[in-house]
Amino acid sequence: MTAMIIDAHVHVGVSTAYNFSASIDDLLRLADDNGIDKLFVTDFTALIHDMREGNDTLGRSIRQHPDRILGYVSIPTMNFDNGALEEIDRCVHEYGMRGIKIYSYPKIPLVRPSVFPVLERAASHRMPILAHSTAEECEEMASRVPEAFLMMAHSGNTALARGDWMRAVQAAERNPSLLLETASSAVNNGSLEYTISRIGPERIIFGTDMPLLEVSVQMARVSGAAISQADKDLIFGGNMARMLALSD
């Protein structure tokens, strides 16, 4: 398979709403069982409950496993205009975090004036942003801040986005800076092949949504697709490694 597999969509912590509990050690065992080299992790506490506490918890895990764990600075929507920029800078300097995670709910949209400085700060640090949102919101953000590495979580294949991955592909066609992440609870036959035919393999990022989704199924979506090995290598890790300037 590819020389490096990077899972761009991983959660650590406890969630009663999503019925999961996973430690960093749990995640690393899952990664080892599935041949995944690096995990790009969001701390659930930071995303939903306490931004600084959760980011600090993740930061300590990065220090313990610097060769395996990449960290997202998780910014709750309510913090976009309340310490977000300072938190991004702090987590970059204290923990070497490499990305930013933002998350929307049906009643709490991401697109608001305060999100754009967050995107611009991410772009200034050359940090990819994983946005759990709709195709429409991601398209607006990508068009307003095209220099940002904006990744649409699940390629729009979520209940929030009404499960319409075609709208995600169309949004990516219109916005060359928008990337699509693969984790999906609905693995539509031919969807990855179609996406590559429309936007190419270089803008598709592998993710599993570990531990919420079954890791082996998410990997099979790429490994079993009717695409070239070179395309699989890009999706599994090459594209993310290029963005982060990582080497094998």
C-alpha atoms as a PDB file:
ATOM      1  CA  MET A   1       0.000   0.000   0.000  1.00  0.00           C
ATOM      2  CA  THR A   2       1.125   3.614   0.388  1.00  0.00           C
ATOM      3  CA  ALA A   3       4.380   4.501   2.156  1.00  0.00           C
ATOM      4  CA  MET A   4       2.439   6.616   4.653  1.00  0.00           C
ATOM      5  CA  ILE A   5      -1.216   6.433   5.708  1.00  0.00           C
ATOM      6  CA  ILE A   6      -2.559   9.474   7.520  1.00  0.00           C
ATOM      7  CA  ASP A   7      -6.038   9.427   9.015  1.00  0.00           C
ATOM      8  CA  ALA A   8      -7.251  13.026   8.856  1.00  0.00           C
ATOM      9  CA  HIS A   9     -10.441  12.525  10.885  1.00  0.00           C
ATOM     10  CA  VAL A  10     -10.044  11.097  14.401  1.00  0.00           C
ATOM     11  CA  HIS A  11     -11.701  11.873  17.758  1.00  0.00           C
ATOM     12  CA  VAL A  12     -10.378  11.315  21.272  1.00  0.00           C
ATOM     13  CA  GLY A  13     -12.292  11.611  24.522  1.00  0.00           C
ATOM     14  CA  VAL A  14     -15.794  10.804  25.723  1.00  0.00           C
ATOM     15  CA  SER A  15     -19.166  11.628  24.199  1.00  0.00           C
ATOM     16  CA  THR A  16     -22.475  10.479  25.640  1.00  0.00           C
ATOM     17  CA  ALA A  17     -24.306  11.975  22.657  1.00  0.00           C
ATOM     18  CA  TYR A  18     -22.339   9.847  20.187  1.00  0.00           C
ATOM     19  CA  ASN A  19     -21.873   6.931  22.604  1.00  0.00           C
ATOM     20  CA  PHE A  20     -18.108   6.650  22.393  1.00  0.00           C
ATOM     21  CA  SER A  21     -15.120   6.696  24.680  1.00  0.00           C
ATOM     22  CA  ALA A  22     -11.601   6.469  23.308  1.00  0.00           C
ATOM     23  CA  SER A  23      -8.177   7.197  24.744  1.00  0.00           C
ATOM     24  CA  ILE A  24      -5.090   7.942  22.696  1.00  0.00           C
ATOM     25  CA  ASP A  25      -3.881   4.407  23.422  1.00  0.00           C
ATOM     26  CA  ASP A  26      -7.190   3.018  22.106  1.00  0.00           C
ATOM     27  CA  LEU A  27      -6.773   5.016  18.912  1.00  0.00           C
ATOM     28  CA  LEU A  28      -3.173   3.949  18.429  1.00  0.00           C
ATOM     29  CA  ARG A  29      -4.187   0.302  18.788  1.00  0.00           C
ATOM     30  CA  LEU A  30      -6.836   0.799  16.103  1.00  0.00           C
ATOM     31  CA  ALA A  31      -4.271   2.520  13.912  1.00  0.00           C
ATOM     32  CA  ASP A  32      -1.764  -0.299  14.363  1.00  0.00           C
ATOM     33  CA  ASP A  33      -4.399  -2.935  13.601  1.00  0.00           C
ATOM     34  CA  ASN A  34      -5.194  -1.186  10.315  1.00  0.00           C
ATOM     35  CA  GLY A  35      -1.731  -0.095   9.202  1.00  0.00           C
ATOM     36  CA  ILE A  36      -2.291   3.625   9.779  1.00  0.00           C
ATOM     37  CA  ASP A  37       0.884   5.602  10.459  1.00  0.00           C
ATOM     38  CA  LYS A  38      -0.366   8.959  11.738  1.00  0.00           C
ATOM     39  CA  LEU A  39      -3.607  10.192  13.277  1.00  0.00           C
ATOM     40  CA  PHE A  40      -4.909  13.761  12.939  1.00  0.00           C
ATOM     41  CA  VAL A  41      -6.898  14.085  16.158  1.00  0.00           C
ATOM     42  CA  THR A  42      -9.659  16.306  17.555  1.00  0.00           C
ATOM     43  CA  ASP A  43     -10.294  16.349  21.298  1.00  0.00           C
ATOM     44  CA  PHE A  44     -14.033  16.095  21.891  1.00  0.00           C
ATOM     45  CA  THR A  45     -13.891  18.164  25.080  1.00  0.00           C
ATOM     46  CA  ALA A  46     -12.296  21.055  23.194  1.00  0.00           C
ATOM     47  CA  LEU A  47     -14.802  20.860  20.362  1.00  0.00           C
ATOM     48  CA  ILE A  48     -17.950  20.770  22.464  1.00  0.00           C
ATOM     49  CA  HIS A  49     -17.294  21.658  26.112  1.00  0.00           C
ATOM     50  CA  ASP A  50     -14.074  23.476  27.071  1.00  0.00           C
ATOM     51  CA  MET A  51     -11.788  24.662  24.292  1.00  0.00           C
ATOM     52  CA  ARG A  52      -8.600  25.214  26.267  1.00  0.00           C
ATOM     53  CA  GLU A  53      -8.910  22.176  28.545  1.00  0.00           C
ATOM     54  CA  GLY A  54      -9.467  19.822  25.623  1.00  0.00           C
ATOM     55  CA  ASN A  55      -6.708  21.304  23.495  1.00  0.00           C
ATOM     56  CA  ASP A  56      -4.282  21.017  26.419  1.00  0.00           C
ATOM     57  CA  THR A  57      -5.218  17.365  26.915  1.00  0.00           C
ATOM     58  CA  LEU A  58      -4.533  16.669  23.258  1.00  0.00           C
ATOM     59  CA  GLY A  59      -1.313  18.668  23.424  1.00  0.00           C
ATOM     60  CA  ARG A  60       0.028  16.390  26.143  1.00  0.00           C
ATOM     61  CA  SER A  61      -0.715  13.363  23.953  1.00  0.00           C
ATOM     62  CA  ILE A  62       1.158  14.965  21.061  1.00  0.00           C
ATOM     63  CA  ARG A  63       4.202  15.345  23.309  1.00  0.00           C
ATOM     64  CA  GLN A  64       3.964  11.665  24.281  1.00  0.00           C
ATOM     65  CA  HIS A  65       3.563  10.435  20.678  1.00  0.00           C
ATOM     66  CA  PRO A  66       5.095  13.092  18.414  1.00  0.00           C
ATOM     67  CA  ASP A  67       5.708  10.614  15.599  1.00  0.00           C
ATOM     68  CA  ARG A  68       2.114   9.335  15.543  1.00  0.00           C
ATOM     69  CA  ILE A  69      -0.267  12.099  16.666  1.00  0.00           C
ATOM     70  CA  LEU A  70      -1.015  15.267  14.737  1.00  0.00           C
ATOM     71  CA  GLY A  71      -3.289  17.716  16.512  1.00  0.00           C
ATOM     72  CA  TYR A  72      -6.205  19.857  15.438  1.00  0.00           C
ATOM     73  CA  VAL A  73      -6.769  23.031  17.422  1.00  0.00           C
ATOM     74  CA  SER A  74     -10.488  22.585  18.072  1.00  0.00           C
ATOM     75  CA  ILE A  75     -12.418  25.861  17.978  1.00  0.00           C
ATOM     76  CA  PRO A  76     -16.074  25.715  19.097  1.00  0.00           C
ATOM     77  CA  THR A  77     -18.323  27.944  17.020  1.00  0.00           C
ATOM     78  CA  MET A  78     -19.183  30.076  20.058  1.00  0.00           C
ATOM     79  CA  ASN A  79     -15.462  30.865  20.461  1.00  0.00           C
ATOM     80  CA  PHE A  80     -14.830  32.207  16.958  1.00  0.00           C
ATOM     81  CA  ASP A  81     -14.941  35.764  18.328  1.00  0.00           C
ATOM     82  CA  ASN A  82     -13.871  34.842  21.865  1.00  0.00           C
ATOM     83  CA  GLY A  83     -10.216  33.895  21.988  1.00  0.00           C
ATOM     84  CA  ALA A  84     -10.016  31.725  18.874  1.00  0.00           C
ATOM     85  CA  LEU A  85      -7.047  33.440  17.244  1.00  0.00           C
ATOM     86  CA  GLU A  86      -5.066  33.473  20.476  1.00  0.00           C
ATOM     87  CA  GLU A  87      -5.865  29.787  21.044  1.00  0.00           C
ATOM     88  CA  ILE A  88      -4.645  28.868  17.567  1.00  0.00           C
ATOM     89  CA  ASP A  89      -1.358  30.685  18.122  1.00  0.00           C
ATOM     90  CA  ARG A  90      -0.971  29.180  21.610  1.00  0.00           C
ATOM     91  CA  CYS A  91      -1.504  25.602  20.447  1.00  0.00           C
ATOM     92  CA  VAL A  92       0.876  26.050  17.533  1.00  0.00           C
ATOM     93  CA  HIS A  93       3.630  27.425  19.749  1.00  0.00           C
ATOM     94  CA  GLU A  94       3.113  25.205  22.822  1.00  0.00           C
ATOM     95  CA  TYR A  95       2.237  21.897  21.176  1.00  0.00           C
ATOM     96  CA  GLY A  96       3.079  22.177  17.495  1.00  0.00           C
ATOM     97  CA  MET A  97      -0.504  21.524  16.439  1.00  0.00           C
ATOM     98  CA  ARG A  98      -0.848  21.288  12.676  1.00  0.00           C
ATOM     99  CA  GLY A  99      -4.535  21.842  11.859  1.00  0.00           C
ATOM    100  CA  ILE A 100      -7.829  23.402  12.965  1.00  0.00           C
ATOM    101  CA  LYS A 101     -11.211  21.710  13.473  1.00  0.00           C
ATOM    102  CA  ILE A 102     -14.501  23.602  13.227  1.00  0.00           C
ATOM    103  CA  TYR A 103     -17.931  22.056  13.628  1.00  0.00           C
ATOM    104  CA  SER A 104     -21.449  23.205  12.855  1.00  0.00           C
ATOM    105  CA  TYR A 105     -24.853  22.169  14.112  1.00  0.00           C
ATOM    106  CA  PRO A 106     -28.154  22.731  12.273  1.00  0.00           C
ATOM    107  CA  LYS A 107     -28.985  25.635  14.608  1.00  0.00           C
ATOM    108  CA  ILE A 108     -25.414  26.918  14.907  1.00  0.00           C
ATOM    109  CA  PRO A 109     -24.053  27.630  11.418  1.00  0.00           C
ATOM    110  CA  LEU A 110     -20.348  28.073  10.788  1.00  0.00           C
ATOM    111  CA  VAL A 111     -20.620  30.877   8.263  1.00  0.00           C
ATOM    112  CA  ARG A 112     -20.661  34.094  10.241  1.00  0.00           C
ATOM    113  CA  PRO A 113     -18.326  37.115  10.141  1.00  0.00           C
ATOM    114  CA  SER A 114     -16.161  35.736  12.957  1.00  0.00           C
ATOM    115  CA  VAL A 115     -15.226  32.542  11.071  1.00  0.00           C
ATOM    116  CA  PHE A 116     -13.223  34.315   8.384  1.00  0.00           C
ATOM    117  CA  PRO A 117     -10.416  35.568  10.676  1.00  0.00           C
ATOM    118  CA  VAL A 118     -10.095  31.959  11.910  1.00  0.00           C
ATOM    119  CA  LEU A 119      -9.665  30.745   8.332  1.00  0.00           C
ATOM    120  CA  GLU A 120      -7.180  33.508   7.608  1.00  0.00           C
ATOM    121  CA  ARG A 121      -5.140  32.666  10.713  1.00  0.00           C
ATOM    122  CA  ALA A 122      -5.089  29.013   9.659  1.00  0.00           C
ATOM    123  CA  ALA A 123      -3.875  30.035   6.222  1.00  0.00           C
ATOM    124  CA  SER A 124      -1.116  32.176   7.733  1.00  0.00           C
ATOM    125  CA  HIS A 125       0.136  29.099   9.634  1.00  0.00           C
ATOM    126  CA  ARG A 126      -0.431  26.849   6.581  1.00  0.00           C
ATOM    127  CA  MET A 127      -2.734  24.699   8.713  1.00  0.00           C
ATOM    128  CA  PRO A 128      -5.445  22.584   7.072  1.00  0.00           C
ATOM    129  CA  ILE A 129      -8.964  23.133   8.419  1.00  0.00           C
ATOM    130  CA  LEU A 130     -11.352  20.217   8.846  1.00  0.00           C
ATOM    131  CA  ALA A 131     -14.868  21.657   8.633  1.00  0.00           C
ATOM    132  CA  HIS A 132     -17.793  19.471   9.660  1.00  0.00           C
ATOM    133  CA  SER A 133     -20.398  21.319   7.657  1.00  0.00           C
ATOM    134  CA  THR A 134     -22.503  21.465   4.524  1.00  0.00           C
ATOM    135  CA  ALA A 135     -21.342  21.890   0.951  1.00  0.00           C
ATOM    136  CA  GLU A 136     -22.950  25.326   0.892  1.00  0.00           C
ATOM    137  CA  GLU A 137     -21.112  26.559   3.980  1.00  0.00           C
ATOM    138  CA  CYS A 138     -17.796  25.104   2.828  1.00  0.00           C
ATOM    139  CA  GLU A 139     -18.214  26.656  -0.600  1.00  0.00           C
ATOM    140  CA  GLU A 140     -18.812  30.089   0.908  1.00  0.00           C
ATOM    141  CA  MET A 141     -15.800  29.770   3.211  1.00  0.00           C
ATOM    142  CA  ALA A 142     -13.543  28.505   0.404  1.00  0.00           C
ATOM    143  CA  SER A 143     -14.609  31.288  -1.937  1.00  0.00           C
ATOM    144  CA  ARG A 144     -14.023  33.969   0.713  1.00  0.00           C
ATOM    145  CA  VAL A 145     -10.624  32.634   1.884  1.00  0.00           C
ATOM    146  CA  PRO A 146      -9.260  30.653  -1.089  1.00  0.00           C
ATOM    147  CA  GLU A 147      -5.739  30.561   0.352  1.00  0.00           C
ATOM    148  CA  ALA A 148      -6.944  28.288   3.185  1.00  0.00           C
ATOM    149  CA  PHE A 149      -6.582  24.483   3.019  1.00  0.00           C
ATOM    150  CA  LEU A 150     -10.274  23.825   3.716  1.00  0.00           C
ATOM    151  CA  MET A 151     -11.336  20.170   3.953  1.00  0.00           C
ATOM    152  CA  MET A 152     -15.031  19.281   3.915  1.00  0.00           C
ATOM    153  CA  ALA A 153     -15.514  16.492   6.466  1.00  0.00           C
ATOM    154  CA  HIS A 154     -17.362  13.426   5.127  1.00  0.00           C
ATOM    155  CA  SER A 155     -17.495  14.997   1.639  1.00  0.00           C
ATOM    156  CA  GLY A 156     -20.934  16.225   2.656  1.00  0.00           C
ATOM    157  CA  ASN A 157     -22.159  12.676   3.330  1.00  0.00           C
ATOM    158  CA  THR A 158     -23.678  13.439   6.736  1.00  0.00           C
ATOM    159  CA  ALA A 159     -27.153  13.950   8.134  1.00  0.00           C
ATOM    160  CA  LEU A 160     -26.261  17.615   8.615  1.00  0.00           C
ATOM    161  CA  ALA A 161     -25.570  17.918   4.882  1.00  0.00           C
ATOM    162  CA  ARG A 162     -28.528  15.665   4.058  1.00  0.00           C
ATOM    163  CA  GLY A 163     -26.156  12.989   2.803  1.00  0.00           C
ATOM    164  CA  ASP A 164     -25.666  14.565  -0.601  1.00  0.00           C
ATOM    165  CA  TRP A 165     -22.059  13.948  -1.678  1.00  0.00           C
ATOM    166  CA  MET A 166     -22.864  15.152  -5.192  1.00  0.00           C
ATOM    167  CA  ARG A 167     -23.312  18.688  -3.866  1.00  0.00           C
ATOM    168  CA  ALA A 168     -19.888  18.408  -2.263  1.00  0.00           C
ATOM    169  CA  VAL A 169     -18.290  17.425  -5.570  1.00  0.00           C
ATOM    170  CA  GLN A 170     -20.028  20.292  -7.352  1.00  0.00           C
ATOM    171  CA  ALA A 171     -18.834  22.745  -4.698  1.00  0.00           C
ATOM    172  CA  ALA A 172     -15.272  21.455  -5.086  1.00  0.00           C
ATOM    173  CA  GLU A 173     -15.507  21.803  -8.867  1.00  0.00           C
ATOM    174  CA  ARG A 174     -16.394  25.471  -8.453  1.00  0.00           C
ATOM    175  CA  ASN A 175     -13.722  26.127  -5.792  1.00  0.00           C
ATOM    176  CA  PRO A 176     -10.239  24.791  -6.598  1.00  0.00           C
ATOM    177  CA  SER A 177      -9.022  25.285  -3.010  1.00  0.00           C
ATOM    178  CA  LEU A 178     -11.734  23.076  -1.453  1.00  0.00           C
ATOM    179  CA  LEU A 179     -10.705  19.540  -0.481  1.00  0.00           C
ATOM    180  CA  LEU A 180     -12.987  16.582   0.283  1.00  0.00           C
ATOM    181  CA  GLU A 181     -12.440  14.140   3.159  1.00  0.00           C
ATOM    182  CA  THR A 182     -13.571  10.546   2.707  1.00  0.00           C
ATOM    183  CA  ALA A 183     -15.047   9.329   6.041  1.00  0.00           C
ATOM    184  CA  SER A 184     -18.663   8.356   5.493  1.00  0.00           C
ATOM    185  CA  SER A 185     -21.358   6.245   7.117  1.00  0.00           C
ATOM    186  CA  ALA A 186     -22.839   5.759   3.638  1.00  0.00           C
ATOM    187  CA  VAL A 187     -20.359   4.188   1.224  1.00  0.00           C
ATOM    188  CA  ASN A 188     -22.011   4.750  -2.127  1.00  0.00           C
ATOM    189  CA  ASN A 189     -20.738   2.469  -4.883  1.00  0.00           C
ATOM    190  CA  GLY A 190     -18.685   4.465  -7.365  1.00  0.00           C
ATOM    191  CA  SER A 191     -18.711   7.729  -5.422  1.00  0.00           C
ATOM    192  CA  LEU A 192     -14.941   7.914  -4.990  1.00  0.00           C
ATOM    193  CA  GLU A 193     -14.312   7.030  -8.622  1.00  0.00           C
ATOM    194  CA  TYR A 194     -16.770   9.725  -9.715  1.00  0.00           C
ATOM    195  CA  THR A 195     -15.215  12.307  -7.416  1.00  0.00           C
ATOM    196  CA  ILE A 196     -11.778  11.637  -8.890  1.00  0.00           C
ATOM    197  CA  SER A 197     -13.180  11.952 -12.398  1.00  0.00           C
ATOM    198  CA  ARG A 198     -14.473  15.440 -11.545  1.00  0.00           C
ATOM    199  CA  ILE A 199     -11.756  17.000  -9.353  1.00  0.00           C
ATOM    200  CA  GLY A 200      -8.793  14.611  -9.556  1.00  0.00           C
ATOM    201  CA  PRO A 201      -7.159  12.621  -6.732  1.00  0.00           C
ATOM    202  CA  GLU A 202      -5.004  15.460  -5.400  1.00  0.00           C
ATOM    203  CA  ARG A 203      -7.877  17.118  -3.507  1.00  0.00           C
ATOM    204  CA  ILE A 204      -9.205  14.040  -1.712  1.00  0.00           C
ATOM    205  CA  ILE A 205      -8.097  13.390   1.879  1.00  0.00           C
ATOM    206  CA  PHE A 206      -8.427  10.062   3.693  1.00  0.00           C
ATOM    207  CA  GLY A 207     -10.244   9.963   7.021  1.00  0.00           C
ATOM    208  CA  THR A 208     -12.092   7.372   9.089  1.00  0.00           C
ATOM    209  CA  ASP A 209     -13.987   9.318  11.793  1.00  0.00           C
ATOM    210  CA  MET A 210     -12.377   6.884  14.238  1.00  0.00           C
ATOM    211  CA  PRO A 211     -13.758   5.659  16.660  1.00  0.00           C
ATOM    212  CA  LEU A 212     -17.297   6.561  15.544  1.00  0.00           C
ATOM    213  CA  LEU A 213     -17.078   4.661  12.242  1.00  0.00           C
ATOM    214  CA  GLU A 214     -15.588   1.255  11.462  1.00  0.00           C
ATOM    215  CA  VAL A 215     -11.985   1.841  10.426  1.00  0.00           C
ATOM    216  CA  SER A 216     -11.654  -1.171   8.124  1.00  0.00           C
ATOM    217  CA  VAL A 217     -14.735  -0.117   6.142  1.00  0.00           C
ATOM    218  CA  GLN A 218     -13.374   3.390   5.654  1.00  0.00           C
ATOM    219  CA  MET A 219     -10.036   2.000   4.485  1.00  0.00           C
ATOM    220  CA  ALA A 220     -11.755  -0.418   2.099  1.00  0.00           C
ATOM    221  CA  ARG A 221     -13.583   2.482   0.500  1.00  0.00           C
ATOM    222  CA  VAL A 222     -10.215   3.634  -0.857  1.00  0.00           C
ATOM    223  CA  SER A 223      -8.278   0.378  -1.149  1.00  0.00           C
ATOM    224  CA  GLY A 224     -11.146  -1.350  -2.960  1.00  0.00           C
ATOM    225  CA  ALA A 225     -11.952   1.487  -5.337  1.00  0.00           C
ATOM    226  CA  ALA A 226     -11.411   1.062  -9.063  1.00  0.00           C
ATOM    227  CA  ILE A 227      -8.632   3.638  -9.175  1.00  0.00           C
ATOM    228  CA  SER A 228      -4.890   3.454  -9.722  1.00  0.00           C
ATOM    229  CA  GLN A 229      -2.443   2.649  -6.943  1.00  0.00           C
ATOM    230  CA  ALA A 230      -0.908   6.075  -7.475  1.00  0.00           C
ATOM    231  CA  ASP A 231      -4.288   7.680  -6.772  1.00  0.00           C
ATOM    232  CA  LYS A 232      -4.745   5.526  -3.658  1.00  0.00           C
ATOM    233  CA  ASP A 233      -1.317   6.588  -2.414  1.00  0.00           C
ATOM    234  CA  LEU A 234      -2.230  10.256  -2.796  1.00  0.00           C
ATOM    235  CA  ILE A 235      -5.540   9.857  -0.991  1.00  0.00           C
ATOM    236  CA  PHE A 236      -4.268   7.651   1.833  1.00  0.00           C
ATOM    237  CA  GLY A 237      -1.452   9.981   2.790  1.00  0.00           C
ATOM    238  CA  GLY A 238       0.337  11.703  -0.041  1.00  0.00           C
ATOM    239  CA  ASN A 239      -1.969  14.703  -0.258  1.00  0.00           C
ATOM    240  CA  MET A 240      -1.902  15.391   3.470  1.00  0.00           C
ATOM    241  CA  ALA A 241       1.852  14.801   3.648  1.00  0.00           C
ATOM    242  CA  ARG A 242       2.304  17.360   0.880  1.00  0.00           C
ATOM    243  CA  MET A 243       0.178  19.949   2.712  1.00  0.00           C
ATOM    244  CA  LEU A 244       2.094  19.426   5.943  1.00  0.00           C
ATOM    245  CA  ALA A 245       5.507  19.002   4.293  1.00  0.00           C
ATOM    246  CA  LEU A 246       5.926  15.587   5.924  1.00  0.00           C
ATOM    247  CA  SER A 247       8.369  12.936   4.782  1.00  0.00           C
ATOM    248  CA  ASP A 248       8.102   9.159   5.127  1.00  0.00           C
END
